[in-house]
Amino acid sequence: MVEHDFRYSLFNPQHTLTECRALVPGRYQVTGNGGSIKADDVLLVTLKGSRTLSMRLTVEKVRHLINPPGQWTAVAKGPVFGELSIHEWKVQCDTCNTELTFEFAVDAKLGQKAQQPAAIARIAELGWRTTGEQHRCPKCQAAAA
């Protein structure tokens, strides 16, 4: 199993995705160029409409195309959601006033009540701690320890 990074980047244009679409929730068809993609490999792909969020897809089967050279089509499994909604929020450290602008994704079908738990989970991924309505950046957490 190899992990291939297909997140959007101008630094590696020969290693790109042409298409990533959901066949059914949890199964995706991915078409790309570059890399030696094989079954059971992991693809990191940028979420459409996001600058920083990505998802991990595990390749189930892949077909390498003859023309154009280097292009392939794969079927992969990944996160199960109906309609993904990307939000951008800001939080401020209650100790040093450092501001964090972050993106998070939530299944749109879950409604607004699912946004806060998803945002708290994303803040934790970024190293911040949330206690009630209080937020602490990683630097202030280290200073308090």
Protein backbone atom coordinates (compact mmCIF):
# COMPACT_ATOMS: atom_id res chain seq x y z
CA MET A 1 0.00 0.00 0.00
CA VAL A 2 1.37 3.37 -1.09
CA GLU A 3 -0.07 6.80 -0.36
CA HIS A 4 -0.30 9.16 -3.36
CA ASP A 5 -0.82 12.88 -2.79
CA PHE A 6 -3.15 14.30 -5.43
CA ARG A 7 -4.11 17.41 -3.46
CA TYR A 8 -4.27 20.49 -5.66
CA SER A 9 -0.82 21.95 -6.21
CA LEU A 10 0.83 23.94 -8.98
CA PHE A 11 4.19 22.43 -8.03
CA ASN A 12 3.51 19.03 -9.59
CA PRO A 13 1.28 19.46 -12.68
CA GLN A 14 2.18 16.06 -14.20
CA HIS A 15 0.75 14.34 -11.09
CA THR A 16 -2.87 15.56 -11.14
CA LEU A 17 -6.49 14.50 -10.95
CA THR A 18 -8.74 15.03 -13.93
CA GLU A 19 -11.95 13.96 -12.20
CA CYS A 20 -13.20 12.69 -8.87
CA ARG A 21 -16.91 11.96 -8.64
CA ALA A 22 -19.15 9.99 -6.35
CA LEU A 23 -20.73 6.88 -7.86
CA VAL A 24 -22.74 6.23 -4.69
CA PRO A 25 -22.06 7.47 -1.15
CA GLY A 26 -18.70 6.00 -0.14
CA ARG A 27 -17.58 4.91 -3.65
CA TYR A 28 -15.78 7.21 -6.06
CA GLN A 29 -14.53 7.17 -9.63
CA VAL A 30 -11.19 8.92 -9.91
CA THR A 31 -9.33 9.76 -13.13
CA GLY A 32 -5.81 11.12 -13.02
CA ASN A 33 -2.35 11.39 -14.51
CA GLY A 34 0.91 10.23 -13.00
CA GLY A 35 1.83 7.95 -10.17
CA SER A 36 1.89 4.18 -10.31
CA ILE A 37 -1.56 3.60 -8.87
CA LYS A 38 -2.38 0.06 -7.76
CA ALA A 39 -5.22 -1.61 -5.86
CA ASP A 40 -5.14 -0.90 -2.09
CA ASP A 41 -3.17 2.34 -2.59
CA VAL A 42 -4.43 5.46 -0.82
CA LEU A 43 -5.18 8.68 -2.71
CA LEU A 44 -5.23 12.04 -0.94
CA VAL A 45 -7.57 14.32 -2.90
CA THR A 46 -8.63 17.93 -2.35
CA LEU A 47 -12.30 18.47 -1.59
CA LYS A 48 -14.03 20.49 -4.29
CA GLY A 49 -14.54 24.06 -3.15
CA SER A 50 -11.88 23.86 -0.44
CA ARG A 51 -8.38 25.25 -0.16
CA THR A 52 -7.18 23.10 2.74
CA LEU A 53 -9.45 20.08 3.18
CA SER A 54 -8.78 16.70 1.65
CA MET A 55 -10.10 13.16 1.93
CA ARG A 56 -8.46 9.74 1.79
CA LEU A 57 -9.66 7.27 -0.81
CA THR A 58 -8.59 3.62 -0.92
CA VAL A 59 -8.27 2.24 -4.46
CA GLU A 60 -10.29 -0.93 -5.08
CA LYS A 61 -9.43 -1.37 -8.75
CA VAL A 62 -7.53 0.64 -11.33
CA ARG A 63 -7.33 0.63 -15.10
CA HIS A 64 -4.33 2.24 -16.81
CA LEU A 65 -5.20 3.87 -20.12
CA ILE A 66 -3.07 3.58 -23.24
CA ASN A 67 -3.95 7.00 -24.57
CA PRO A 68 -3.07 9.52 -23.21
CA PRO A 69 0.05 7.95 -21.70
CA GLY A 70 0.14 7.95 -17.90
CA GLN A 71 -3.61 8.39 -17.44
CA TRP A 72 -5.63 5.98 -15.29
CA THR A 73 -9.16 5.49 -13.97
CA ALA A 74 -9.82 3.97 -10.56
CA VAL A 75 -12.75 3.03 -8.37
CA ALA A 76 -12.08 3.86 -4.73
CA LYS A 77 -13.85 3.80 -1.38
CA GLY A 78 -13.87 6.70 1.03
CA PRO A 79 -16.02 8.82 3.35
CA VAL A 80 -19.76 8.28 3.16
CA PHE A 81 -21.82 11.44 2.93
CA GLY A 82 -24.83 12.64 0.98
CA GLU A 83 -24.03 16.23 0.07
CA LEU A 84 -20.85 17.80 1.42
CA SER A 85 -20.93 21.39 2.59
CA ILE A 86 -17.72 23.32 3.28
CA HIS A 87 -17.74 26.15 5.82
CA GLU A 88 -15.10 28.67 6.89
CA TRP A 89 -15.11 29.89 10.48
CA LYS A 90 -12.79 31.92 12.69
CA VAL A 91 -11.86 31.36 16.32
CA GLN A 92 -9.65 33.41 18.59
CA CYS A 93 -7.36 32.15 21.32
CA ASP A 94 -8.75 33.36 24.64
CA THR A 95 -5.24 33.68 26.08
CA CYS A 96 -3.17 35.45 23.40
CA ASN A 97 -5.86 36.57 20.89
CA THR A 98 -4.28 34.64 18.01
CA GLU A 99 -6.90 34.17 15.31
CA LEU A 100 -7.41 30.94 13.37
CA THR A 101 -9.38 30.91 10.13
CA PHE A 102 -10.20 27.32 9.22
CA GLU A 103 -12.34 25.26 6.90
CA PHE A 104 -14.38 22.23 7.86
CA ALA A 105 -16.74 19.92 6.02
CA VAL A 106 -20.09 18.57 7.15
CA ASP A 107 -22.83 16.54 5.49
CA ALA A 108 -25.39 19.16 4.40
CA LYS A 109 -28.26 16.74 5.11
CA LEU A 110 -27.40 16.85 8.82
CA GLY A 111 -28.26 20.56 8.94
CA GLN A 112 -26.91 23.37 11.03
CA LYS A 113 -26.85 21.34 14.27
CA ALA A 114 -23.96 19.27 12.85
CA GLN A 115 -21.77 22.29 12.10
CA GLN A 116 -20.49 23.03 15.60
CA PRO A 117 -19.37 19.44 16.38
CA ALA A 118 -17.64 19.26 12.98
CA ALA A 119 -15.93 22.61 13.62
CA ILE A 120 -14.74 21.49 17.08
CA ALA A 121 -13.33 18.28 15.58
CA ARG A 122 -11.48 20.28 12.89
CA ILE A 123 -10.06 22.71 15.47
CA ALA A 124 -8.73 19.71 17.43
CA GLU A 125 -7.09 18.34 14.24
CA LEU A 126 -5.29 21.67 13.91
CA GLY A 127 -3.90 21.39 17.46
CA TRP A 128 -6.26 23.80 19.21
CA ARG A 129 -8.19 22.91 22.38
CA THR A 130 -11.83 23.86 22.95
CA THR A 131 -13.36 23.86 26.42
CA GLY A 132 -16.93 25.12 26.38
CA GLU A 133 -16.70 28.46 24.58
CA GLN A 134 -12.98 28.86 25.36
CA HIS A 135 -10.31 28.22 22.67
CA ARG A 136 -6.58 27.80 23.25
CA CYS A 137 -3.91 27.77 20.54
CA PRO A 138 -1.09 25.18 20.65
CA LYS A 139 1.44 27.79 21.87
CA CYS A 140 -0.69 28.75 24.88
CA GLN A 141 -1.39 25.07 25.67
CA ALA A 142 2.37 24.40 25.79
CA ALA A 143 2.98 27.45 27.99
CA ALA A 144 0.29 26.31 30.48
CA ALA A 145 1.73 22.78 30.72
